[in-house]
Amino acid sequence: MFKLKEILEERDIPQKVFAADLGMATSTLNNYAMERRQPDFDTLVQICDALGVTADYLLGRSSNPAPAISDEDAALLRAFHAAPPSVVAGILALLQPYAKEKEADQAI
């Protein structure tokens, strides 16, 4: 895992402490940090959750540590895309003033 060691060092988290928090042996975590072994899926998720980062970030596939979109926002987006065109048009019309306001705020 490309960034595990880096993240722990940046946050000043000793591997021994982090491993204990996860309920694993320090040697196991060290093997992951040194890329001698790869965790199984459940362990990868556990490490990501404990660090508050995405798997893509931990694996070096993204430079953004936080999820790009929350589960709640993803559900809203799916509902929006499933809505009939007339509903989508109405939602867009309602949101347009807010989008312009946000653009103006960012331009300052």
C-alpha atoms as a PDB file:
ATOM      1  CA  MET A   1       0.000   0.000   0.000  1.00  0.00           C
ATOM      2  CA  PHE A   2       1.824   2.939  -1.382  1.00  0.00           C
ATOM      3  CA  LYS A   3       0.867   5.630   1.117  1.00  0.00           C
ATOM      4  CA  LEU A   4       0.300   3.813   4.394  1.00  0.00           C
ATOM      5  CA  LYS A   5       3.768   4.460   5.796  1.00  0.00           C
ATOM      6  CA  GLU A   6       3.692   8.056   4.539  1.00  0.00           C
ATOM      7  CA  ILE A   7       0.286   8.788   6.112  1.00  0.00           C
ATOM      8  CA  LEU A   8       1.252   7.297   9.453  1.00  0.00           C
ATOM      9  CA  GLU A   9       4.485   9.321   9.498  1.00  0.00           C
ATOM     10  CA  GLU A  10       2.722  12.557   8.465  1.00  0.00           C
ATOM     11  CA  ARG A  11       0.197  12.104  11.262  1.00  0.00           C
ATOM     12  CA  ASP A  12       2.838  10.999  13.750  1.00  0.00           C
ATOM     13  CA  ILE A  13       1.010   7.713  14.405  1.00  0.00           C
ATOM     14  CA  PRO A  14       3.324   4.908  15.526  1.00  0.00           C
ATOM     15  CA  GLN A  15       2.727   1.673  13.630  1.00  0.00           C
ATOM     16  CA  LYS A  16       2.539  -0.194  16.936  1.00  0.00           C
ATOM     17  CA  VAL A  17      -0.320   2.046  18.145  1.00  0.00           C
ATOM     18  CA  PHE A  18      -2.186   1.942  14.830  1.00  0.00           C
ATOM     19  CA  ALA A  19      -1.853  -1.833  14.597  1.00  0.00           C
ATOM     20  CA  ALA A  20      -3.180  -2.209  18.146  1.00  0.00           C
ATOM     21  CA  ASP A  21      -6.131   0.072  17.313  1.00  0.00           C
ATOM     22  CA  LEU A  22      -6.945  -2.187  14.369  1.00  0.00           C
ATOM     23  CA  GLY A  23      -6.473  -5.355  16.384  1.00  0.00           C
ATOM     24  CA  MET A  24      -3.617  -6.679  14.281  1.00  0.00           C
ATOM     25  CA  ALA A  25       0.000  -7.544  14.895  1.00  0.00           C
ATOM     26  CA  THR A  26       2.522  -4.758  14.403  1.00  0.00           C
ATOM     27  CA  SER A  27       4.467  -7.038  12.064  1.00  0.00           C
ATOM     28  CA  THR A  28       1.383  -7.436   9.866  1.00  0.00           C
ATOM     29  CA  LEU A  29       0.889  -3.694   9.595  1.00  0.00           C
ATOM     30  CA  ASN A  30       4.603  -3.230   8.959  1.00  0.00           C
ATOM     31  CA  ASN A  31       4.412  -5.749   6.117  1.00  0.00           C
ATOM     32  CA  TYR A  32       1.615  -3.672   4.572  1.00  0.00           C
ATOM     33  CA  ALA A  33       3.508  -0.410   5.087  1.00  0.00           C
ATOM     34  CA  MET A  34       6.687  -1.856   3.554  1.00  0.00           C
ATOM     35  CA  GLU A  35       4.628  -3.381   0.697  1.00  0.00           C
ATOM     36  CA  ARG A  36       5.790  -6.908   1.458  1.00  0.00           C
ATOM     37  CA  ARG A  37       2.165  -8.046   1.798  1.00  0.00           C
ATOM     38  CA  GLN A  38      -1.225  -6.791   0.665  1.00  0.00           C
ATOM     39  CA  PRO A  39      -4.232  -6.719   2.990  1.00  0.00           C
ATOM     40  CA  ASP A  40      -7.437  -8.507   2.102  1.00  0.00           C
ATOM     41  CA  PHE A  41     -10.402  -6.364   1.119  1.00  0.00           C
ATOM     42  CA  ASP A  42     -11.947  -6.154   4.598  1.00  0.00           C
ATOM     43  CA  THR A  43      -8.633  -5.124   6.139  1.00  0.00           C
ATOM     44  CA  LEU A  44      -8.094  -2.509   3.442  1.00  0.00           C
ATOM     45  CA  VAL A  45     -11.505  -1.030   4.214  1.00  0.00           C
ATOM     46  CA  GLN A  46     -10.735  -1.092   7.943  1.00  0.00           C
ATOM     47  CA  ILE A  47      -7.431   0.766   7.403  1.00  0.00           C
ATOM     48  CA  CYS A  48      -9.071   3.345   5.129  1.00  0.00           C
ATOM     49  CA  ASP A  49     -11.894   3.943   7.600  1.00  0.00           C
ATOM     50  CA  ALA A  50      -9.468   4.312  10.504  1.00  0.00           C
ATOM     51  CA  LEU A  51      -7.405   6.861   8.564  1.00  0.00           C
ATOM     52  CA  GLY A  52     -10.404   8.599   6.993  1.00  0.00           C
ATOM     53  CA  VAL A  53      -9.076   8.194   3.466  1.00  0.00           C
ATOM     54  CA  THR A  54     -10.272   6.469   0.321  1.00  0.00           C
ATOM     55  CA  ALA A  55      -8.713   3.240  -0.922  1.00  0.00           C
ATOM     56  CA  ASP A  56      -7.697   5.052  -4.109  1.00  0.00           C
ATOM     57  CA  TYR A  57      -5.738   7.575  -2.037  1.00  0.00           C
ATOM     58  CA  LEU A  58      -4.117   4.906   0.132  1.00  0.00           C
ATOM     59  CA  LEU A  59      -3.133   2.930  -2.968  1.00  0.00           C
ATOM     60  CA  GLY A  60      -1.698   5.993  -4.699  1.00  0.00           C
ATOM     61  CA  ARG A  61      -4.379   6.167  -7.371  1.00  0.00           C
ATOM     62  CA  SER A  62      -5.709   9.555  -6.245  1.00  0.00           C
ATOM     63  CA  SER A  63      -4.232  12.670  -4.687  1.00  0.00           C
ATOM     64  CA  ASN A  64      -7.511  13.401  -2.870  1.00  0.00           C
ATOM     65  CA  PRO A  65      -7.677  11.657   0.519  1.00  0.00           C
ATOM     66  CA  ALA A  66     -11.373  12.324   1.100  1.00  0.00           C
ATOM     67  CA  PRO A  67     -14.217  10.677  -0.770  1.00  0.00           C
ATOM     68  CA  ALA A  68     -15.255  12.800  -3.720  1.00  0.00           C
ATOM     69  CA  ILE A  69     -18.927  12.431  -2.867  1.00  0.00           C
ATOM     70  CA  SER A  70     -20.786  11.328   0.233  1.00  0.00           C
ATOM     71  CA  ASP A  71     -23.198   8.402   0.213  1.00  0.00           C
ATOM     72  CA  GLU A  72     -26.062  10.847   0.780  1.00  0.00           C
ATOM     73  CA  ASP A  73     -25.008  13.005  -2.172  1.00  0.00           C
ATOM     74  CA  ALA A  74     -24.597   9.920  -4.345  1.00  0.00           C
ATOM     75  CA  ALA A  75     -28.151   8.827  -3.487  1.00  0.00           C
ATOM     76  CA  LEU A  76     -29.475  12.275  -4.402  1.00  0.00           C
ATOM     77  CA  LEU A  77     -27.575  12.204  -7.675  1.00  0.00           C
ATOM     78  CA  ARG A  78     -28.984   8.767  -8.544  1.00  0.00           C
ATOM     79  CA  ALA A  79     -32.514  10.015  -7.780  1.00  0.00           C
ATOM     80  CA  PHE A  80     -31.912  13.096  -9.933  1.00  0.00           C
ATOM     81  CA  HIS A  81     -30.763  10.970 -12.889  1.00  0.00           C
ATOM     82  CA  ALA A  82     -33.739   8.626 -12.474  1.00  0.00           C
ATOM     83  CA  ALA A  83     -36.272  11.472 -12.460  1.00  0.00           C
ATOM     84  CA  PRO A  84     -38.386  12.277 -15.530  1.00  0.00           C
ATOM     85  CA  PRO A  85     -37.023  15.064 -17.769  1.00  0.00           C
ATOM     86  CA  SER A  86     -39.678  17.545 -16.619  1.00  0.00           C
ATOM     87  CA  VAL A  87     -38.655  17.047 -12.974  1.00  0.00           C
ATOM     88  CA  VAL A  88     -34.969  17.395 -13.854  1.00  0.00           C
ATOM     89  CA  ALA A  89     -35.707  20.658 -15.699  1.00  0.00           C
ATOM     90  CA  GLY A  90     -37.637  21.969 -12.697  1.00  0.00           C
ATOM     91  CA  ILE A  91     -34.843  21.079 -10.276  1.00  0.00           C
ATOM     92  CA  LEU A  92     -32.251  22.734 -12.507  1.00  0.00           C
ATOM     93  CA  ALA A  93     -34.384  25.871 -12.744  1.00  0.00           C
ATOM     94  CA  LEU A  94     -34.675  25.985  -8.951  1.00  0.00           C
ATOM     95  CA  LEU A  95     -30.941  25.513  -8.433  1.00  0.00           C
ATOM     96  CA  GLN A  96     -29.710  27.911 -11.111  1.00  0.00           C
ATOM     97  CA  PRO A  97     -29.721  31.047  -8.891  1.00  0.00           C
ATOM     98  CA  TYR A  98     -27.693  29.207  -6.243  1.00  0.00           C
ATOM     99  CA  ALA A  99     -25.153  28.038  -8.782  1.00  0.00           C
ATOM    100  CA  LYS A 100     -24.686  31.606 -10.034  1.00  0.00           C
ATOM    101  CA  GLU A 101     -24.315  32.836  -6.442  1.00  0.00           C
ATOM    102  CA  LYS A 102     -21.646  30.208  -5.778  1.00  0.00           C
ATOM    103  CA  GLU A 103     -19.758  31.158  -8.959  1.00  0.00           C
ATOM    104  CA  ALA A 104     -19.826  34.834  -7.922  1.00  0.00           C
ATOM    105  CA  ASP A 105     -18.499  33.960  -4.444  1.00  0.00           C
ATOM    106  CA  GLN A 106     -15.638  31.931  -5.940  1.00  0.00           C
ATOM    107  CA  ALA A 107     -14.698  34.738  -8.326  1.00  0.00           C
ATOM    108  CA  ILE A 108     -13.994  37.093  -5.426  1.00  0.00           C
END
